[in-house]
């Protein structure tokens, strides 16, 4: 259902598991958490059955996606999948996170900070794409940011597009 907001923007209404309504602005890039570790399919575009998979739905051209993580070892991110030309690096920059793991569709907190982030970069993407990998660490809830300025809204349900996503926590 679409909703016209007072300041002229359009938003998508999402029913949160606790029964409240949150409006995800339609003019922003969304990231859907679809990894098998969180109960998703593991990907269907560029990824297939990955423990961690992120479906990016751009509203503007995207050349970078940053997602919090606790694992600084790039070699541990196995079976990586991404559009052609996209690469992954790990950078020591803090991003908001929350423990413990929260199921998809639920609102979570943001009580702490990851010590690292996954920085995916590549040629500009204007259509839906996926980023993913396998890493057998327990998930936790993390912040994300894209090159067009979109970012996770911690008042939105986890994994559904506007809210945080799952990423590796600790082994």
C-alpha atoms as a PDB file:
ATOM      1  CA  UNK A   1       0.000   0.000   0.000  1.00  0.00           C
ATOM      2  CA  UNK A   2       1.349   3.450  -0.869  1.00  0.00           C
ATOM      3  CA  UNK A   3       0.939   6.456   1.406  1.00  0.00           C
ATOM      4  CA  UNK A   4       1.390  10.118   0.458  1.00  0.00           C
ATOM      5  CA  UNK A   5       3.355  11.848   3.220  1.00  0.00           C
ATOM      6  CA  UNK A   6       2.787  15.459   4.246  1.00  0.00           C
ATOM      7  CA  UNK A   7       6.043  16.639   2.653  1.00  0.00           C
ATOM      8  CA  UNK A   8       5.115  15.228  -0.770  1.00  0.00           C
ATOM      9  CA  UNK A   9       7.105  11.987  -0.657  1.00  0.00           C
ATOM     10  CA  UNK A  10       5.593   8.580  -1.250  1.00  0.00           C
ATOM     11  CA  UNK A  11       6.201   5.754   1.196  1.00  0.00           C
ATOM     12  CA  UNK A  12       5.489   2.034   1.340  1.00  0.00           C
ATOM     13  CA  UNK A  13       3.561   0.826   4.387  1.00  0.00           C
ATOM     14  CA  UNK A  14       5.007  -2.228   6.105  1.00  0.00           C
ATOM     15  CA  UNK A  15       3.203  -4.120   8.864  1.00  0.00           C
ATOM     16  CA  UNK A  16       5.693  -4.767  11.637  1.00  0.00           C
ATOM     17  CA  UNK A  17       5.379  -8.005  13.600  1.00  0.00           C
ATOM     18  CA  UNK A  18       4.304  -6.148  16.753  1.00  0.00           C
ATOM     19  CA  UNK A  19       1.363  -4.682  14.856  1.00  0.00           C
ATOM     20  CA  UNK A  20       2.577  -1.132  14.253  1.00  0.00           C
ATOM     21  CA  UNK A  21       2.922   0.524  10.855  1.00  0.00           C
ATOM     22  CA  UNK A  22       6.237   1.893   9.592  1.00  0.00           C
ATOM     23  CA  UNK A  23       6.624   3.837   6.346  1.00  0.00           C
ATOM     24  CA  UNK A  24       9.661   2.930   4.214  1.00  0.00           C
ATOM     25  CA  UNK A  25      10.310   5.831   1.804  1.00  0.00           C
ATOM     26  CA  UNK A  26      10.053   4.650  -1.812  1.00  0.00           C
ATOM     27  CA  UNK A  27      12.760   7.043  -3.042  1.00  0.00           C
ATOM     28  CA  UNK A  28      15.555   5.125  -1.325  1.00  0.00           C
ATOM     29  CA  UNK A  29      17.603   2.063  -2.200  1.00  0.00           C
ATOM     30  CA  UNK A  30      16.571  -1.038  -0.238  1.00  0.00           C
ATOM     31  CA  UNK A  31      18.540  -4.070   0.873  1.00  0.00           C
ATOM     32  CA  UNK A  32      16.659  -7.317   1.484  1.00  0.00           C
ATOM     33  CA  UNK A  33      18.392  -9.852   3.756  1.00  0.00           C
ATOM     34  CA  UNK A  34      17.999 -13.248   2.033  1.00  0.00           C
ATOM     35  CA  UNK A  35      20.778 -15.465   3.434  1.00  0.00           C
ATOM     36  CA  UNK A  36      20.041 -19.037   4.477  1.00  0.00           C
ATOM     37  CA  UNK A  37      21.527 -18.368   7.934  1.00  0.00           C
ATOM     38  CA  UNK A  38      18.544 -16.075   8.605  1.00  0.00           C
ATOM     39  CA  UNK A  39      15.901 -18.280   6.970  1.00  0.00           C
ATOM     40  CA  UNK A  40      16.065 -16.812   3.436  1.00  0.00           C
ATOM     41  CA  UNK A  41      16.570 -18.525   0.079  1.00  0.00           C
ATOM     42  CA  UNK A  42      20.269 -17.709  -0.154  1.00  0.00           C
ATOM     43  CA  UNK A  43      19.788 -15.620  -3.287  1.00  0.00           C
ATOM     44  CA  UNK A  44      18.181 -15.919  -6.699  1.00  0.00           C
ATOM     45  CA  UNK A  45      19.908 -13.355  -8.995  1.00  0.00           C
ATOM     46  CA  UNK A  46      23.715 -13.491  -8.623  1.00  0.00           C
ATOM     47  CA  UNK A  47      23.812 -15.784  -5.582  1.00  0.00           C
ATOM     48  CA  UNK A  48      22.510 -19.275  -4.920  1.00  0.00           C
ATOM     49  CA  UNK A  49      22.094 -20.821  -1.450  1.00  0.00           C
ATOM     50  CA  UNK A  50      24.556 -18.510   0.315  1.00  0.00           C
ATOM     51  CA  UNK A  51      24.539 -18.251   4.114  1.00  0.00           C
ATOM     52  CA  UNK A  52      24.611 -14.458   3.796  1.00  0.00           C
ATOM     53  CA  UNK A  53      22.899 -12.857   0.784  1.00  0.00           C
ATOM     54  CA  UNK A  54      21.798  -9.265   0.234  1.00  0.00           C
ATOM     55  CA  UNK A  55      19.381  -8.279  -2.559  1.00  0.00           C
ATOM     56  CA  UNK A  56      20.003  -4.635  -3.420  1.00  0.00           C
ATOM     57  CA  UNK A  57      17.125  -2.731  -5.051  1.00  0.00           C
ATOM     58  CA  UNK A  58      18.627   0.549  -6.333  1.00  0.00           C
ATOM     59  CA  UNK A  59      16.637   3.746  -6.691  1.00  0.00           C
ATOM     60  CA  UNK A  60      19.737   5.510  -8.052  1.00  0.00           C
ATOM     61  CA  UNK A  61      22.940   4.078  -9.559  1.00  0.00           C
ATOM     62  CA  UNK A  62      24.852   2.138  -6.868  1.00  0.00           C
ATOM     63  CA  UNK A  63      28.652   1.721  -6.908  1.00  0.00           C
ATOM     64  CA  UNK A  64      29.215   0.864  -3.231  1.00  0.00           C
ATOM     65  CA  UNK A  65      27.449  -1.070  -0.464  1.00  0.00           C
ATOM     66  CA  UNK A  66      28.811  -1.093   3.099  1.00  0.00           C
ATOM     67  CA  UNK A  67      27.561  -3.601   5.703  1.00  0.00           C
ATOM     68  CA  UNK A  68      28.818  -4.003   9.276  1.00  0.00           C
ATOM     69  CA  UNK A  69      30.657  -7.192  10.320  1.00  0.00           C
ATOM     70  CA  UNK A  70      32.752  -8.560  13.166  1.00  0.00           C
ATOM     71  CA  UNK A  71      35.046 -10.707  10.973  1.00  0.00           C
ATOM     72  CA  UNK A  72      38.088  -8.808   9.602  1.00  0.00           C
ATOM     73  CA  UNK A  73      39.506 -11.834   7.709  1.00  0.00           C
ATOM     74  CA  UNK A  74      38.661 -11.414   4.006  1.00  0.00           C
ATOM     75  CA  UNK A  75      39.769 -15.015   3.274  1.00  0.00           C
ATOM     76  CA  UNK A  76      36.991 -16.295   5.575  1.00  0.00           C
ATOM     77  CA  UNK A  77      34.279 -14.952   3.229  1.00  0.00           C
ATOM     78  CA  UNK A  78      33.906 -18.026   1.013  1.00  0.00           C
ATOM     79  CA  UNK A  79      31.947 -18.592  -2.215  1.00  0.00           C
ATOM     80  CA  UNK A  80      31.458 -14.866  -2.781  1.00  0.00           C
ATOM     81  CA  UNK A  81      28.877 -13.854  -5.341  1.00  0.00           C
ATOM     82  CA  UNK A  82      28.300 -10.423  -6.872  1.00  0.00           C
ATOM     83  CA  UNK A  83      27.658  -8.771 -10.225  1.00  0.00           C
ATOM     84  CA  UNK A  84      30.591  -8.816 -12.687  1.00  0.00           C
ATOM     85  CA  UNK A  85      33.307  -6.351 -11.665  1.00  0.00           C
ATOM     86  CA  UNK A  86      32.212  -6.084  -8.013  1.00  0.00           C
ATOM     87  CA  UNK A  87      34.756  -6.813  -5.267  1.00  0.00           C
ATOM     88  CA  UNK A  88      34.753  -7.102  -1.484  1.00  0.00           C
ATOM     89  CA  UNK A  89      37.184  -5.510   0.968  1.00  0.00           C
ATOM     90  CA  UNK A  90      37.078  -5.371   4.776  1.00  0.00           C
ATOM     91  CA  UNK A  91      37.661  -1.975   6.380  1.00  0.00           C
ATOM     92  CA  UNK A  92      38.072  -1.042  10.050  1.00  0.00           C
ATOM     93  CA  UNK A  93      35.174   1.381  10.436  1.00  0.00           C
ATOM     94  CA  UNK A  94      32.502   1.108  13.106  1.00  0.00           C
ATOM     95  CA  UNK A  95      28.829   0.632  12.203  1.00  0.00           C
ATOM     96  CA  UNK A  96      25.803   0.184  14.477  1.00  0.00           C
ATOM     97  CA  UNK A  97      24.788  -3.351  15.412  1.00  0.00           C
ATOM     98  CA  UNK A  98      22.721  -5.317  17.896  1.00  0.00           C
ATOM     99  CA  UNK A  99      22.957  -8.652  19.709  1.00  0.00           C
ATOM    100  CA  UNK A 100      21.446 -11.157  19.774  1.00  0.00           C
ATOM    101  CA  UNK A 101      20.259 -12.151  16.320  1.00  0.00           C
ATOM    102  CA  UNK A 102      16.703 -10.969  15.468  1.00  0.00           C
ATOM    103  CA  UNK A 103      14.440 -12.812  13.005  1.00  0.00           C
ATOM    104  CA  UNK A 104      13.383 -11.287   9.689  1.00  0.00           C
ATOM    105  CA  UNK A 105      10.380  -8.979   9.950  1.00  0.00           C
ATOM    106  CA  UNK A 106      11.078  -7.918  13.545  1.00  0.00           C
ATOM    107  CA  UNK A 107      12.289  -4.548  14.784  1.00  0.00           C
ATOM    108  CA  UNK A 108      15.650  -4.680  16.581  1.00  0.00           C
ATOM    109  CA  UNK A 109      17.779  -2.310  18.640  1.00  0.00           C
ATOM    110  CA  UNK A 110      21.155  -0.732  17.915  1.00  0.00           C
ATOM    111  CA  UNK A 111      22.958  -1.120  21.221  1.00  0.00           C
ATOM    112  CA  UNK A 112      26.534  -1.473  19.990  1.00  0.00           C
ATOM    113  CA  UNK A 113      28.979  -1.118  17.115  1.00  0.00           C
ATOM    114  CA  UNK A 114      30.706  -3.527  14.743  1.00  0.00           C
ATOM    115  CA  UNK A 115      34.440  -2.973  14.515  1.00  0.00           C
ATOM    116  CA  UNK A 116      34.597  -3.589  10.744  1.00  0.00           C
ATOM    117  CA  UNK A 117      32.535  -3.284   7.592  1.00  0.00           C
ATOM    118  CA  UNK A 118      32.267  -5.169   4.356  1.00  0.00           C
ATOM    119  CA  UNK A 119      32.792  -2.721   1.507  1.00  0.00           C
ATOM    120  CA  UNK A 120      31.453  -4.027  -1.804  1.00  0.00           C
ATOM    121  CA  UNK A 121      32.344  -1.842  -4.823  1.00  0.00           C
ATOM    122  CA  UNK A 122      31.886  -2.112  -8.560  1.00  0.00           C
ATOM    123  CA  UNK A 123      30.437  -0.641 -11.730  1.00  0.00           C
ATOM    124  CA  UNK A 124      27.205   1.337 -11.323  1.00  0.00           C
ATOM    125  CA  UNK A 125      24.138  -0.881 -10.926  1.00  0.00           C
ATOM    126  CA  UNK A 126      20.641   0.412 -11.689  1.00  0.00           C
ATOM    127  CA  UNK A 127      18.749  -2.905 -11.592  1.00  0.00           C
ATOM    128  CA  UNK A 128      18.305  -5.349  -8.700  1.00  0.00           C
ATOM    129  CA  UNK A 129      21.454  -7.298  -7.810  1.00  0.00           C
ATOM    130  CA  UNK A 130      22.815  -9.534  -5.059  1.00  0.00           C
ATOM    131  CA  UNK A 131      25.921  -9.736  -2.922  1.00  0.00           C
ATOM    132  CA  UNK A 132      26.654 -12.828  -0.867  1.00  0.00           C
ATOM    133  CA  UNK A 133      29.055 -15.305   0.702  1.00  0.00           C
ATOM    134  CA  UNK A 134      29.338 -18.259   3.054  1.00  0.00           C
ATOM    135  CA  UNK A 135      30.793 -17.814   6.534  1.00  0.00           C
ATOM    136  CA  UNK A 136      29.798 -20.163   9.322  1.00  0.00           C
ATOM    137  CA  UNK A 137      29.581 -17.583  12.121  1.00  0.00           C
ATOM    138  CA  UNK A 138      26.430 -16.742  14.061  1.00  0.00           C
ATOM    139  CA  UNK A 139      24.590 -13.745  12.590  1.00  0.00           C
ATOM    140  CA  UNK A 140      23.759 -10.485  14.296  1.00  0.00           C
ATOM    141  CA  UNK A 141      21.847  -7.367  13.233  1.00  0.00           C
ATOM    142  CA  UNK A 142      23.873  -4.695  11.421  1.00  0.00           C
ATOM    143  CA  UNK A 143      23.727  -1.316   9.709  1.00  0.00           C
ATOM    144  CA  UNK A 144      24.179  -0.787   5.961  1.00  0.00           C
ATOM    145  CA  UNK A 145      24.864   2.250   3.740  1.00  0.00           C
ATOM    146  CA  UNK A 146      24.898   2.623  -0.062  1.00  0.00           C
ATOM    147  CA  UNK A 147      26.715   5.051  -2.364  1.00  0.00           C
ATOM    148  CA  UNK A 148      23.476   6.958  -3.064  1.00  0.00           C
ATOM    149  CA  UNK A 149      23.144   7.865   0.630  1.00  0.00           C
ATOM    150  CA  UNK A 150      20.505   5.274   1.520  1.00  0.00           C
ATOM    151  CA  UNK A 151      20.978   3.501   4.850  1.00  0.00           C
ATOM    152  CA  UNK A 152      19.305   1.117   7.270  1.00  0.00           C
ATOM    153  CA  UNK A 153      16.526   2.624   9.342  1.00  0.00           C
ATOM    154  CA  UNK A 154      16.538   0.995  12.774  1.00  0.00           C
ATOM    155  CA  UNK A 155      12.806   1.620  13.250  1.00  0.00           C
ATOM    156  CA  UNK A 156      12.022  -0.629  10.255  1.00  0.00           C
ATOM    157  CA  UNK A 157      11.783  -4.451  10.396  1.00  0.00           C
ATOM    158  CA  UNK A 158      15.030  -6.363   9.961  1.00  0.00           C
ATOM    159  CA  UNK A 159      15.746  -7.817   6.525  1.00  0.00           C
ATOM    160  CA  UNK A 160      12.703  -6.404   4.732  1.00  0.00           C
ATOM    161  CA  UNK A 161      14.362  -3.583   2.781  1.00  0.00           C
ATOM    162  CA  UNK A 162      14.455  -0.488   4.957  1.00  0.00           C
ATOM    163  CA  UNK A 163      15.814  -1.940   8.182  1.00  0.00           C
ATOM    164  CA  UNK A 164      19.080  -3.586   9.229  1.00  0.00           C
ATOM    165  CA  UNK A 165      20.322  -6.931   7.859  1.00  0.00           C
ATOM    166  CA  UNK A 166      22.204  -9.959   9.202  1.00  0.00           C
ATOM    167  CA  UNK A 167      25.986 -10.221   9.022  1.00  0.00           C
ATOM    168  CA  UNK A 168      28.675 -12.357  10.684  1.00  0.00           C
ATOM    169  CA  UNK A 169      28.956 -11.821  14.419  1.00  0.00           C
ATOM    170  CA  UNK A 170      31.289 -14.127  16.330  1.00  0.00           C
ATOM    171  CA  UNK A 171      32.112 -17.833  15.844  1.00  0.00           C
END
